Structure formats: structure tokens, C-alpha cells
């Protein structure tokens, strides 16, 4: 990514993203690995809007998710969420200083927050085995002006989209819901906490083995590489799980889960042979689409019963 000077965000121009914010987004963009003003009002609106949504389906409907790993308990959830909230606010401050925080009144911010209001109330569905802490989270949704194709949801429900993923892929509302559900799933299942716990356990084990066997520096390096491979494997498992949960949340919110297929077709076309950051830890192309197609029979009944969104938005102007 080139380190060019970010251009001011022009609210009058119809969604023309400036150069990527290298200093801000590379430091804070924790993707698949999901406006400063008005975010508290968004939280209140989310609760009010969610209260009026009918919950389609029974508790056992939808995808079935395994219990989370006990290794997550090696890292305190409170510390991770506090650190994530602090990092998120710092990111917003820096983006605002560089005029790269898209205003709350912008149609695409309104769009993202409207979709979030339809998905988040279903985050406590029993079949998803979400963390109980999510009931107390202060959800936030913001849009950052960057050409990068990315989105993330940090622990504690801190969501960010980049303008690049909306504009370059020309996403429909259903496709946006697929991405948002996927990113929310990472937070609900505490994947970051689990990965940190697994890393902690792996390092403890590697140091112990190295000490007992007297492997020295060379042995430490080999074991460290093994730990990295384990982390990649765990990350792919997390991505597959997030896909499943994202389809479930989107279907319950009234968004067509079949949009997951068109979404990843667009992602594959955008990659041009090299997966973007958003896909870096997950199988892409036909294999991912096959996984989604296998999940559709579990979530399409949810979509069939779900009330449809009363408000629809279009993609940003290209």
C-alpha cells in the first residue's frame, strides 16, 4: 500500500474514496482474520429497532455450531474488549483528523447501520452459542474512507467498513448483510480471544519442549513456525464458522442468504489471482461457494419466514 497523503472526504461528492489511509488502517484494520458523531444514538436506535423485530423460527432452526474452545478462557474477555474499544476509538479519532471518517448522515452510513439493526437482535439465538457478554455490548458501526476491500468487527461489537468494499464490489444490501453477519460472528464467538488463548497455550508448550529437549535457538525457531501453521489452521476454522453464522444472521434479518454466492464470486473476481486481505486466511473461489451452498438448506427456511426489510439501499455510485 502506498503511503500517500489522505485527501479530505467530500460529503458532496457521491462516495469517491480517497487514497488508502496507510497510517490509520494498517494499524487498526483487523479484518477476517470486521461516524464518530451519532454512534451513541445508533446504539439506542439499535435497541429500539430490535425490540420491534419478530424472531423467525425456533431455537433449533438454522446452523448448528459447536461449543467454543476452552482455550479462550486463558485470556480475560474484559481486557480484550477494553483494549478493542480503546483501539477503535483511537482509529476513529485519527480518521476524523484526516477527514476520512464518513459522516453519520451519509447514505452509506445510514445503510450500514440500518442493516446492523436488523442483524444484531438475532445475535443471541441459542443455536449460535454466542458469548453471553454480547448482551451488554455497546455496538458501533462506522465507515472509513479507503480504497481497501475490507471490513471487521472487533471484540465488544465495534464494526467498521471501508468504502472500498462497498464501491469496488458494488454490493447489494443482501451482500452487505452477508459481510456484516460474517464479521459480527467473529465477535460473537470470541474468535480473537480464542486465537490469543491458542497462541498462549502454543507458546507455553513450545517453550517447555524446547527447554526439556535442549533445542536452543534453532529448535525455538522451528517450533515457532509450527505455532504459526497452527494459527493459520485455527483461523481458517474461524472463517468457516463465521460464514455459517453470517448466513444464519442474515437470513433471520430478512436478507437473502443466496447473496453469499454472488458476494464471493465478486470477491474472487476482485482478487485477480491473489486473494485480498479479506480472504487471506480462508479458501476462496469454488470451494468457499460450495461450503455456502451446503449451508443454504439450513438457513433458507429462516429467510422464508423472516419479515423483509422495509427500506432498501443501492450501492454507492462507481
C-alpha atoms as a PDB file:
ATOM      1  CA  UNK A   1       0.000   0.000   0.000  1.00  0.00           C
ATOM      2  CA  UNK A   2       1.495   3.355  -0.971  1.00  0.00           C
ATOM      3  CA  UNK A   3       1.868   5.918   1.779  1.00  0.00           C
ATOM      4  CA  UNK A   4       0.204   8.826   0.043  1.00  0.00           C
ATOM      5  CA  UNK A   5      -1.324  11.736   1.915  1.00  0.00           C
ATOM      6  CA  UNK A   6      -5.036  11.125   2.532  1.00  0.00           C
ATOM      7  CA  UNK A   7      -7.351  13.527   0.734  1.00  0.00           C
ATOM      8  CA  UNK A   8     -10.215  15.208   2.627  1.00  0.00           C
ATOM      9  CA  UNK A   9     -13.534  13.415   2.457  1.00  0.00           C
ATOM     10  CA  UNK A  10     -16.007  15.391   0.376  1.00  0.00           C
ATOM     11  CA  UNK A  11     -19.538  14.670   1.578  1.00  0.00           C
ATOM     12  CA  UNK A  12     -20.930  16.387  -1.506  1.00  0.00           C
ATOM     13  CA  UNK A  13     -19.097  14.079  -3.886  1.00  0.00           C
ATOM     14  CA  UNK A  14     -21.077  10.870  -4.251  1.00  0.00           C
ATOM     15  CA  UNK A  15     -18.847   8.426  -2.460  1.00  0.00           C
ATOM     16  CA  UNK A  16     -15.475   8.881  -4.156  1.00  0.00           C
ATOM     17  CA  UNK A  17     -12.946   7.240  -1.783  1.00  0.00           C
ATOM     18  CA  UNK A  18      -9.607   8.894  -1.261  1.00  0.00           C
ATOM     19  CA  UNK A  19      -6.228   7.166  -1.169  1.00  0.00           C
ATOM     20  CA  UNK A  20      -5.894   4.410   1.471  1.00  0.00           C
ATOM     21  CA  UNK A  21      -5.089   5.638   4.956  1.00  0.00           C
ATOM     22  CA  UNK A  22      -1.900   3.690   5.492  1.00  0.00           C
ATOM     23  CA  UNK A  23      -1.083   5.067   8.929  1.00  0.00           C
ATOM     24  CA  UNK A  24      -4.582   4.535  10.292  1.00  0.00           C
ATOM     25  CA  UNK A  25      -5.921   1.492   8.505  1.00  0.00           C
ATOM     26  CA  UNK A  26      -2.829  -0.673   8.529  1.00  0.00           C
ATOM     27  CA  UNK A  27      -2.514  -0.041  12.263  1.00  0.00           C
ATOM     28  CA  UNK A  28      -6.164  -0.717  13.041  1.00  0.00           C
ATOM     29  CA  UNK A  29      -7.623  -2.758  10.179  1.00  0.00           C
ATOM     30  CA  UNK A  30      -8.218  -6.121  11.885  1.00  0.00           C
ATOM     31  CA  UNK A  31     -10.218  -7.763   9.129  1.00  0.00           C
ATOM     32  CA  UNK A  32     -11.163 -11.579   8.597  1.00  0.00           C
ATOM     33  CA  UNK A  33      -8.515 -12.506  10.216  1.00  0.00           C
ATOM     34  CA  UNK A  34     -14.935  -6.579  10.662  1.00  0.00           C
ATOM     35  CA  UNK A  35     -19.216   8.150  12.225  1.00  0.00           C
ATOM     36  CA  UNK A  36     -17.820   9.323  15.425  1.00  0.00           C
ATOM     37  CA  UNK A  37     -20.810  11.620  15.832  1.00  0.00           C
ATOM     38  CA  UNK A  38     -24.067   9.816  16.483  1.00  0.00           C
ATOM     39  CA  UNK A  39     -22.721   6.394  17.415  1.00  0.00           C
ATOM     40  CA  UNK A  40     -24.371   6.537  20.840  1.00  0.00           C
ATOM     41  CA  UNK A  41     -27.640   7.405  19.155  1.00  0.00           C
ATOM     42  CA  UNK A  42     -27.100   4.403  16.901  1.00  0.00           C
ATOM     43  CA  UNK A  43     -26.844   2.131  19.952  1.00  0.00           C
ATOM     44  CA  UNK A  44     -30.126   3.446  21.292  1.00  0.00           C
ATOM     45  CA  UNK A  45     -31.768   3.115  17.897  1.00  0.00           C
ATOM     46  CA  UNK A  46     -30.487  -0.426  17.631  1.00  0.00           C
ATOM     47  CA  UNK A  47     -32.185  -1.422  20.856  1.00  0.00           C
ATOM     48  CA  UNK A  48     -35.399   0.336  19.852  1.00  0.00           C
ATOM     49  CA  UNK A  49     -35.380  -1.153  16.376  1.00  0.00           C
ATOM     50  CA  UNK A  50     -34.514  -4.631  17.575  1.00  0.00           C
ATOM     51  CA  UNK A  51     -37.381  -4.630  20.023  1.00  0.00           C
ATOM     52  CA  UNK A  52     -39.826  -4.383  17.127  1.00  0.00           C
ATOM     53  CA  UNK A  53     -38.413  -7.265  15.093  1.00  0.00           C
ATOM     54  CA  UNK A  54     -40.185 -10.594  15.102  1.00  0.00           C
ATOM     55  CA  UNK A  55     -37.875 -13.527  15.768  1.00  0.00           C
ATOM     56  CA  UNK A  56     -38.465 -16.009  12.926  1.00  0.00           C
ATOM     57  CA  UNK A  57     -38.023 -19.713  13.500  1.00  0.00           C
ATOM     58  CA  UNK A  58     -37.483 -21.857  16.536  1.00  0.00           C
ATOM     59  CA  UNK A  59     -34.384 -22.040  18.694  1.00  0.00           C
ATOM     60  CA  UNK A  60     -33.177 -25.238  16.991  1.00  0.00           C
ATOM     61  CA  UNK A  61     -33.559 -23.792  13.474  1.00  0.00           C
ATOM     62  CA  UNK A  62     -30.625 -22.562  11.459  1.00  0.00           C
ATOM     63  CA  UNK A  63     -26.992 -23.602  11.535  1.00  0.00           C
ATOM     64  CA  UNK A  64     -25.656 -25.680  14.396  1.00  0.00           C
ATOM     65  CA  UNK A  65     -22.408 -24.520  15.990  1.00  0.00           C
ATOM     66  CA  UNK A  66     -20.076 -26.411  18.309  1.00  0.00           C
ATOM     67  CA  UNK A  67     -19.220 -25.195  21.781  1.00  0.00           C
ATOM     68  CA  UNK A  68     -16.344 -22.704  21.844  1.00  0.00           C
ATOM     69  CA  UNK A  69     -12.872 -23.841  22.796  1.00  0.00           C
ATOM     70  CA  UNK A  70     -11.935 -23.685  26.466  1.00  0.00           C
ATOM     71  CA  UNK A  71      -8.597 -22.191  25.438  1.00  0.00           C
ATOM     72  CA  UNK A  72     -10.337 -18.825  25.097  1.00  0.00           C
ATOM     73  CA  UNK A  73     -10.585 -18.768  28.879  1.00  0.00           C
ATOM     74  CA  UNK A  74      -6.811 -18.336  29.079  1.00  0.00           C
ATOM     75  CA  UNK A  75      -7.306 -14.667  28.161  1.00  0.00           C
ATOM     76  CA  UNK A  76      -9.704 -12.402  30.152  1.00  0.00           C
ATOM     77  CA  UNK A  77     -12.576 -11.217  27.956  1.00  0.00           C
ATOM     78  CA  UNK A  78     -12.805  -7.891  29.780  1.00  0.00           C
ATOM     79  CA  UNK A  79      -9.229  -6.973  28.910  1.00  0.00           C
ATOM     80  CA  UNK A  80      -9.662  -7.813  25.233  1.00  0.00           C
ATOM     81  CA  UNK A  81     -12.891  -5.835  24.932  1.00  0.00           C
ATOM     82  CA  UNK A  82     -11.449  -2.830  26.743  1.00  0.00           C
ATOM     83  CA  UNK A  83      -8.369  -2.860  24.526  1.00  0.00           C
ATOM     84  CA  UNK A  84     -10.522  -3.227  21.416  1.00  0.00           C
ATOM     85  CA  UNK A  85     -12.753  -0.310  22.438  1.00  0.00           C
ATOM     86  CA  UNK A  86      -9.728   1.906  23.068  1.00  0.00           C
ATOM     87  CA  UNK A  87      -8.151   0.969  19.738  1.00  0.00           C
ATOM     88  CA  UNK A  88     -11.424   1.523  17.893  1.00  0.00           C
ATOM     89  CA  UNK A  89     -11.872   4.998  19.364  1.00  0.00           C
ATOM     90  CA  UNK A  90      -8.279   5.881  18.538  1.00  0.00           C
ATOM     91  CA  UNK A  91      -8.862   4.730  14.964  1.00  0.00           C
ATOM     92  CA  UNK A  92     -11.971   6.920  14.701  1.00  0.00           C
ATOM     93  CA  UNK A  93     -10.134   9.946  16.122  1.00  0.00           C
ATOM     94  CA  UNK A  94      -7.280   9.564  13.663  1.00  0.00           C
ATOM     95  CA  UNK A  95      -9.658   9.040  10.762  1.00  0.00           C
ATOM     96  CA  UNK A  96     -11.645  12.114  11.779  1.00  0.00           C
ATOM     97  CA  UNK A  97      -8.471  14.194  11.973  1.00  0.00           C
ATOM     98  CA  UNK A  98      -7.660  13.120   8.408  1.00  0.00           C
ATOM     99  CA  UNK A  99     -11.243  13.776   7.284  1.00  0.00           C
ATOM    100  CA  UNK A 100     -11.640  10.116   6.423  1.00  0.00           C
ATOM    101  CA  UNK A 101     -14.458   9.293   8.825  1.00  0.00           C
ATOM    102  CA  UNK A 102     -17.607   9.239   6.704  1.00  0.00           C
ATOM    103  CA  UNK A 103     -20.315  11.403   8.334  1.00  0.00           C
ATOM    104  CA  UNK A 104     -23.245   9.780  10.101  1.00  0.00           C
ATOM    105  CA  UNK A 105     -25.651  11.463   7.690  1.00  0.00           C
ATOM    106  CA  UNK A 106     -24.091   9.888   4.610  1.00  0.00           C
ATOM    107  CA  UNK A 107     -26.476   7.437   2.846  1.00  0.00           C
ATOM    108  CA  UNK A 108     -23.960   4.591   3.049  1.00  0.00           C
ATOM    109  CA  UNK A 109     -23.521   5.022   6.807  1.00  0.00           C
ATOM    110  CA  UNK A 110     -27.292   5.068   7.214  1.00  0.00           C
ATOM    111  CA  UNK A 111     -27.387   1.926   5.088  1.00  0.00           C
ATOM    112  CA  UNK A 112     -24.820   0.062   7.190  1.00  0.00           C
ATOM    113  CA  UNK A 113     -26.500   0.989  10.458  1.00  0.00           C
ATOM    114  CA  UNK A 114     -29.947   0.026   9.165  1.00  0.00           C
ATOM    115  CA  UNK A 115     -28.668  -3.421   8.180  1.00  0.00           C
ATOM    116  CA  UNK A 116     -26.933  -3.801  11.541  1.00  0.00           C
ATOM    117  CA  UNK A 117     -30.189  -3.004  13.324  1.00  0.00           C
ATOM    118  CA  UNK A 118     -31.788  -5.981  11.597  1.00  0.00           C
ATOM    119  CA  UNK A 119     -28.980  -8.470  12.321  1.00  0.00           C
ATOM    120  CA  UNK A 120     -27.770  -7.729  15.839  1.00  0.00           C
ATOM    121  CA  UNK A 121     -31.050  -8.583  17.649  1.00  0.00           C
ATOM    122  CA  UNK A 122     -30.586 -12.196  16.449  1.00  0.00           C
ATOM    123  CA  UNK A 123     -27.071 -12.474  17.877  1.00  0.00           C
ATOM    124  CA  UNK A 124     -28.441 -14.213  20.962  1.00  0.00           C
ATOM    125  CA  UNK A 125     -30.066 -17.072  19.025  1.00  0.00           C
ATOM    126  CA  UNK A 126     -29.347 -20.198  21.116  1.00  0.00           C
ATOM    127  CA  UNK A 127     -28.094 -22.260  18.187  1.00  0.00           C
ATOM    128  CA  UNK A 128     -25.210 -19.844  17.626  1.00  0.00           C
ATOM    129  CA  UNK A 129     -23.718 -20.349  21.105  1.00  0.00           C
ATOM    130  CA  UNK A 130     -22.645 -16.706  21.235  1.00  0.00           C
ATOM    131  CA  UNK A 131     -20.807 -15.257  24.200  1.00  0.00           C
ATOM    132  CA  UNK A 132     -23.283 -14.118  26.899  1.00  0.00           C
ATOM    133  CA  UNK A 133     -21.274 -10.892  27.125  1.00  0.00           C
ATOM    134  CA  UNK A 134     -22.741  -9.743  23.808  1.00  0.00           C
ATOM    135  CA  UNK A 135     -25.992  -8.778  25.546  1.00  0.00           C
ATOM    136  CA  UNK A 136     -24.138  -5.899  27.243  1.00  0.00           C
ATOM    137  CA  UNK A 137     -22.087  -4.715  24.290  1.00  0.00           C
ATOM    138  CA  UNK A 138     -22.352  -1.125  23.037  1.00  0.00           C
ATOM    139  CA  UNK A 139     -22.478  -1.819  19.317  1.00  0.00           C
ATOM    140  CA  UNK A 140     -20.992   0.747  16.936  1.00  0.00           C
ATOM    141  CA  UNK A 141     -20.937   0.876  13.139  1.00  0.00           C
ATOM    142  CA  UNK A 142     -18.738   3.290  11.196  1.00  0.00           C
ATOM    143  CA  UNK A 143     -17.477   3.767   7.656  1.00  0.00           C
ATOM    144  CA  UNK A 144     -13.888   4.720   6.807  1.00  0.00           C
ATOM    145  CA  UNK A 145     -12.861   6.303   3.535  1.00  0.00           C
ATOM    146  CA  UNK A 146     -10.328   3.959   1.941  1.00  0.00           C
ATOM    147  CA  UNK A 147      -9.993   2.031  -1.311  1.00  0.00           C
ATOM    148  CA  UNK A 148      -9.120  -1.099   0.645  1.00  0.00           C
ATOM    149  CA  UNK A 149     -11.539  -4.041   0.316  1.00  0.00           C
ATOM    150  CA  UNK A 150     -12.104  -4.819   3.965  1.00  0.00           C
ATOM    151  CA  UNK A 151     -14.467  -4.797   6.937  1.00  0.00           C
ATOM    152  CA  UNK A 152     -14.190  -6.017  10.521  1.00  0.00           C
ATOM    153  CA  UNK A 153     -15.925  -6.336  13.872  1.00  0.00           C
ATOM    154  CA  UNK A 154     -13.670  -6.002  16.892  1.00  0.00           C
ATOM    155  CA  UNK A 155     -14.384  -7.680  20.244  1.00  0.00           C
ATOM    156  CA  UNK A 156     -17.209  -5.892  22.008  1.00  0.00           C
ATOM    157  CA  UNK A 157     -19.190  -5.198  18.824  1.00  0.00           C
ATOM    158  CA  UNK A 158     -17.096  -2.451  17.187  1.00  0.00           C
ATOM    159  CA  UNK A 159     -17.843  -2.647  13.450  1.00  0.00           C
ATOM    160  CA  UNK A 160     -16.098  -0.811  10.613  1.00  0.00           C
ATOM    161  CA  UNK A 161     -16.476  -0.987   6.850  1.00  0.00           C
ATOM    162  CA  UNK A 162     -14.142   0.576   4.295  1.00  0.00           C
ATOM    163  CA  UNK A 163     -15.623   2.463   1.362  1.00  0.00           C
ATOM    164  CA  UNK A 164     -13.555   0.287  -0.994  1.00  0.00           C
ATOM    165  CA  UNK A 165     -15.503  -2.875  -0.269  1.00  0.00           C
ATOM    166  CA  UNK A 166     -18.826  -1.146  -0.956  1.00  0.00           C
ATOM    167  CA  UNK A 167     -17.772   0.711  -4.070  1.00  0.00           C
ATOM    168  CA  UNK A 168     -15.380  -1.673  -5.796  1.00  0.00           C
ATOM    169  CA  UNK A 169     -17.668  -4.683  -5.348  1.00  0.00           C
ATOM    170  CA  UNK A 170     -20.912  -2.704  -5.881  1.00  0.00           C
ATOM    171  CA  UNK A 171     -22.578  -4.642  -3.088  1.00  0.00           C
ATOM    172  CA  UNK A 172     -26.306  -5.114  -2.779  1.00  0.00           C
ATOM    173  CA  UNK A 173     -27.947  -4.874   0.644  1.00  0.00           C
ATOM    174  CA  UNK A 174     -28.088  -8.665   0.821  1.00  0.00           C
ATOM    175  CA  UNK A 175     -24.362  -8.906   0.105  1.00  0.00           C
ATOM    176  CA  UNK A 176     -23.567  -6.247   2.697  1.00  0.00           C
ATOM    177  CA  UNK A 177     -25.610  -8.260   5.195  1.00  0.00           C
ATOM    178  CA  UNK A 178     -23.511 -11.352   4.399  1.00  0.00           C
ATOM    179  CA  UNK A 179     -20.296  -9.478   5.180  1.00  0.00           C
ATOM    180  CA  UNK A 180     -21.686  -7.813   8.270  1.00  0.00           C
ATOM    181  CA  UNK A 181     -23.086 -11.090   9.606  1.00  0.00           C
ATOM    182  CA  UNK A 182     -19.736 -12.769   8.984  1.00  0.00           C
ATOM    183  CA  UNK A 183     -17.855 -10.059  10.885  1.00  0.00           C
ATOM    184  CA  UNK A 184     -20.364  -9.982  13.740  1.00  0.00           C
ATOM    185  CA  UNK A 185     -19.913 -13.739  14.044  1.00  0.00           C
ATOM    186  CA  UNK A 186     -16.211 -13.324  14.770  1.00  0.00           C
ATOM    187  CA  UNK A 187     -17.075 -11.132  17.738  1.00  0.00           C
ATOM    188  CA  UNK A 188     -19.990 -13.267  18.979  1.00  0.00           C
ATOM    189  CA  UNK A 189     -17.836 -16.377  19.007  1.00  0.00           C
ATOM    190  CA  UNK A 190     -14.846 -14.506  20.511  1.00  0.00           C
ATOM    191  CA  UNK A 191     -12.527 -15.745  17.788  1.00  0.00           C
ATOM    192  CA  UNK A 192      -9.885 -13.155  18.637  1.00  0.00           C
ATOM    193  CA  UNK A 193      -9.908 -14.237  22.268  1.00  0.00           C
ATOM    194  CA  UNK A 194      -9.768 -17.896  21.268  1.00  0.00           C
ATOM    195  CA  UNK A 195      -6.849 -17.315  18.908  1.00  0.00           C
ATOM    196  CA  UNK A 196      -4.991 -15.435  21.628  1.00  0.00           C
ATOM    197  CA  UNK A 197      -5.658 -18.307  24.014  1.00  0.00           C
ATOM    198  CA  UNK A 198      -4.403 -20.847  21.487  1.00  0.00           C
ATOM    199  CA  UNK A 199      -1.303 -18.760  20.844  1.00  0.00           C
ATOM    200  CA  UNK A 200      -0.656 -18.526  24.573  1.00  0.00           C
ATOM    201  CA  UNK A 201      -1.026 -22.270  25.013  1.00  0.00           C
ATOM    202  CA  UNK A 202       1.162 -22.999  21.980  1.00  0.00           C
ATOM    203  CA  UNK A 203       3.936 -20.709  23.215  1.00  0.00           C
ATOM    204  CA  UNK A 204       3.841 -22.256  26.657  1.00  0.00           C
ATOM    205  CA  UNK A 205       4.104 -25.710  25.122  1.00  0.00           C
ATOM    206  CA  UNK A 206       6.855 -24.711  22.688  1.00  0.00           C
ATOM    207  CA  UNK A 207       8.977 -23.111  25.401  1.00  0.00           C
ATOM    208  CA  UNK A 208       8.535 -26.153  27.628  1.00  0.00           C
ATOM    209  CA  UNK A 209       9.502 -28.633  24.904  1.00  0.00           C
ATOM    210  CA  UNK A 210      12.470 -26.534  23.834  1.00  0.00           C
ATOM    211  CA  UNK A 211      13.704 -26.327  27.415  1.00  0.00           C
ATOM    212  CA  UNK A 212      13.258 -30.041  28.114  1.00  0.00           C
ATOM    213  CA  UNK A 213      14.944 -31.155  24.888  1.00  0.00           C
ATOM    214  CA  UNK A 214      17.684 -28.537  24.910  1.00  0.00           C
ATOM    215  CA  UNK A 215      16.904 -27.491  21.348  1.00  0.00           C
ATOM    216  CA  UNK A 216      18.279 -23.971  21.672  1.00  0.00           C
ATOM    217  CA  UNK A 217      17.598 -21.133  19.234  1.00  0.00           C
ATOM    218  CA  UNK A 218      17.224 -23.316  16.138  1.00  0.00           C
ATOM    219  CA  UNK A 219      14.675 -25.514  17.856  1.00  0.00           C
ATOM    220  CA  UNK A 220      12.794 -22.471  19.093  1.00  0.00           C
ATOM    221  CA  UNK A 221      12.539 -21.143  15.539  1.00  0.00           C
ATOM    222  CA  UNK A 222      11.219 -24.461  14.209  1.00  0.00           C
ATOM    223  CA  UNK A 223       8.652 -24.712  16.957  1.00  0.00           C
ATOM    224  CA  UNK A 224       7.657 -21.106  16.348  1.00  0.00           C
ATOM    225  CA  UNK A 225       7.000 -21.854  12.700  1.00  0.00           C
ATOM    226  CA  UNK A 226       4.834 -24.793  13.738  1.00  0.00           C
ATOM    227  CA  UNK A 227       2.880 -22.490  16.011  1.00  0.00           C
ATOM    228  CA  UNK A 228       2.265 -20.149  13.075  1.00  0.00           C
ATOM    229  CA  UNK A 229       0.909 -23.001  10.976  1.00  0.00           C
ATOM    230  CA  UNK A 230      -1.415 -23.975  13.802  1.00  0.00           C
ATOM    231  CA  UNK A 231      -2.623 -20.414  13.991  1.00  0.00           C
ATOM    232  CA  UNK A 232      -3.398 -20.360  10.272  1.00  0.00           C
ATOM    233  CA  UNK A 233      -5.366 -23.585  10.606  1.00  0.00           C
ATOM    234  CA  UNK A 234      -7.358 -22.232  13.504  1.00  0.00           C
ATOM    235  CA  UNK A 235      -8.008 -19.047  11.591  1.00  0.00           C
ATOM    236  CA  UNK A 236      -9.461 -20.962   8.638  1.00  0.00           C
ATOM    237  CA  UNK A 237     -11.766 -22.820  11.013  1.00  0.00           C
ATOM    238  CA  UNK A 238     -12.896 -19.495  12.444  1.00  0.00           C
ATOM    239  CA  UNK A 239     -13.596 -18.159   8.962  1.00  0.00           C
ATOM    240  CA  UNK A 240     -15.706 -21.159   8.025  1.00  0.00           C
ATOM    241  CA  UNK A 241     -17.664 -20.823  11.258  1.00  0.00           C
ATOM    242  CA  UNK A 242     -18.168 -17.104  10.653  1.00  0.00           C
ATOM    243  CA  UNK A 243     -19.525 -17.857   7.181  1.00  0.00           C
ATOM    244  CA  UNK A 244     -22.123 -20.224   8.672  1.00  0.00           C
ATOM    245  CA  UNK A 245     -23.199 -17.820  11.387  1.00  0.00           C
ATOM    246  CA  UNK A 246     -23.241 -14.888   8.974  1.00  0.00           C
ATOM    247  CA  UNK A 247     -25.660 -16.717   6.695  1.00  0.00           C
ATOM    248  CA  UNK A 248     -27.863 -17.544   9.687  1.00  0.00           C
ATOM    249  CA  UNK A 249     -27.957 -13.957  10.975  1.00  0.00           C
ATOM    250  CA  UNK A 250     -28.613 -12.520   7.531  1.00  0.00           C
ATOM    251  CA  UNK A 251     -31.461 -14.934   6.807  1.00  0.00           C
ATOM    252  CA  UNK A 252     -33.125 -14.157  10.144  1.00  0.00           C
ATOM    253  CA  UNK A 253     -32.780 -10.446   9.366  1.00  0.00           C
ATOM    254  CA  UNK A 254     -34.668 -10.870   6.093  1.00  0.00           C
ATOM    255  CA  UNK A 255     -31.704 -10.801   3.708  1.00  0.00           C
ATOM    256  CA  UNK A 256     -31.377 -13.454   1.025  1.00  0.00           C
ATOM    257  CA  UNK A 257     -28.628 -15.915   2.065  1.00  0.00           C
ATOM    258  CA  UNK A 258     -28.049 -16.839  -1.584  1.00  0.00           C
ATOM    259  CA  UNK A 259     -26.334 -13.474  -1.862  1.00  0.00           C
ATOM    260  CA  UNK A 260     -23.390 -15.215  -0.197  1.00  0.00           C
ATOM    261  CA  UNK A 261     -22.701 -16.898  -3.538  1.00  0.00           C
ATOM    262  CA  UNK A 262     -22.697 -13.701  -5.590  1.00  0.00           C
ATOM    263  CA  UNK A 263     -20.639 -11.981  -2.886  1.00  0.00           C
ATOM    264  CA  UNK A 264     -17.801 -14.474  -3.049  1.00  0.00           C
ATOM    265  CA  UNK A 265     -17.955 -14.535  -6.836  1.00  0.00           C
ATOM    266  CA  UNK A 266     -17.324 -10.784  -6.696  1.00  0.00           C
ATOM    267  CA  UNK A 267     -14.568 -11.292  -4.143  1.00  0.00           C
ATOM    268  CA  UNK A 268     -12.895 -13.846  -6.368  1.00  0.00           C
ATOM    269  CA  UNK A 269     -13.094 -11.540  -9.392  1.00  0.00           C
ATOM    270  CA  UNK A 270     -11.613  -8.674  -7.373  1.00  0.00           C
ATOM    271  CA  UNK A 271      -8.685 -10.796  -6.211  1.00  0.00           C
ATOM    272  CA  UNK A 272      -7.243 -11.194  -9.745  1.00  0.00           C
ATOM    273  CA  UNK A 273      -5.259 -14.278  -8.771  1.00  0.00           C
ATOM    274  CA  UNK A 274      -4.150 -13.042  -5.334  1.00  0.00           C
ATOM    275  CA  UNK A 275      -6.714 -13.014  -2.515  1.00  0.00           C
ATOM    276  CA  UNK A 276      -7.364  -9.612  -0.930  1.00  0.00           C
ATOM    277  CA  UNK A 277      -6.738  -9.183   2.769  1.00  0.00           C
ATOM    278  CA  UNK A 278     -10.360 -10.063   3.442  1.00  0.00           C
ATOM    279  CA  UNK A 279      -9.791 -13.562   2.008  1.00  0.00           C
ATOM    280  CA  UNK A 280      -6.207 -14.155   3.107  1.00  0.00           C
ATOM    281  CA  UNK A 281      -6.976 -16.834   5.683  1.00  0.00           C
ATOM    282  CA  UNK A 282      -9.865 -18.639   4.060  1.00  0.00           C
ATOM    283  CA  UNK A 283     -10.315 -20.823   0.980  1.00  0.00           C
ATOM    284  CA  UNK A 284     -11.731 -18.683  -1.788  1.00  0.00           C
ATOM    285  CA  UNK A 285     -13.426 -19.316  -5.107  1.00  0.00           C
ATOM    286  CA  UNK A 286     -15.350 -22.533  -5.851  1.00  0.00           C
ATOM    287  CA  UNK A 287     -14.507 -24.250  -2.550  1.00  0.00           C
ATOM    288  CA  UNK A 288     -15.974 -21.439  -0.477  1.00  0.00           C
ATOM    289  CA  UNK A 289     -19.071 -21.243  -2.634  1.00  0.00           C
ATOM    290  CA  UNK A 290     -19.571 -24.994  -2.229  1.00  0.00           C
ATOM    291  CA  UNK A 291     -19.458 -24.561   1.543  1.00  0.00           C
ATOM    292  CA  UNK A 292     -22.096 -21.835   1.349  1.00  0.00           C
ATOM    293  CA  UNK A 293     -24.321 -23.929  -0.910  1.00  0.00           C
ATOM    294  CA  UNK A 294     -24.136 -26.768   1.623  1.00  0.00           C
ATOM    295  CA  UNK A 295     -25.356 -24.420   4.380  1.00  0.00           C
ATOM    296  CA  UNK A 296     -28.247 -22.893   2.430  1.00  0.00           C
ATOM    297  CA  UNK A 297     -30.808 -25.653   3.222  1.00  0.00           C
ATOM    298  CA  UNK A 298     -30.406 -24.864   6.940  1.00  0.00           C
ATOM    299  CA  UNK A 299     -30.952 -21.114   6.579  1.00  0.00           C
ATOM    300  CA  UNK A 300     -33.374 -20.699   3.687  1.00  0.00           C
ATOM    301  CA  UNK A 301     -36.389 -21.640   5.881  1.00  0.00           C
ATOM    302  CA  UNK A 302     -35.368 -18.810   8.214  1.00  0.00           C
ATOM    303  CA  UNK A 303     -35.329 -16.393   5.297  1.00  0.00           C
ATOM    304  CA  UNK A 304     -38.682 -17.655   4.038  1.00  0.00           C
ATOM    305  CA  UNK A 305     -40.332 -16.801   7.378  1.00  0.00           C
ATOM    306  CA  UNK A 306     -38.437 -13.573   8.085  1.00  0.00           C
ATOM    307  CA  UNK A 307     -40.051 -10.159   7.569  1.00  0.00           C
ATOM    308  CA  UNK A 308     -38.365  -8.329   4.698  1.00  0.00           C
ATOM    309  CA  UNK A 309     -36.576  -5.002   5.177  1.00  0.00           C
ATOM    310  CA  UNK A 310     -38.933  -2.101   4.578  1.00  0.00           C
ATOM    311  CA  UNK A 311     -36.091   0.112   3.418  1.00  0.00           C
ATOM    312  CA  UNK A 312     -33.690  -0.789   0.627  1.00  0.00           C
ATOM    313  CA  UNK A 313     -30.497   0.985  -0.420  1.00  0.00           C
ATOM    314  CA  UNK A 314     -28.381   0.852  -3.525  1.00  0.00           C
ATOM    315  CA  UNK A 315     -24.615   0.514  -3.865  1.00  0.00           C
ATOM    316  CA  UNK A 316     -22.554   3.715  -3.994  1.00  0.00           C
ATOM    317  CA  UNK A 317     -22.004   5.364  -7.337  1.00  0.00           C
ATOM    318  CA  UNK A 318     -18.973   3.942  -9.121  1.00  0.00           C
END
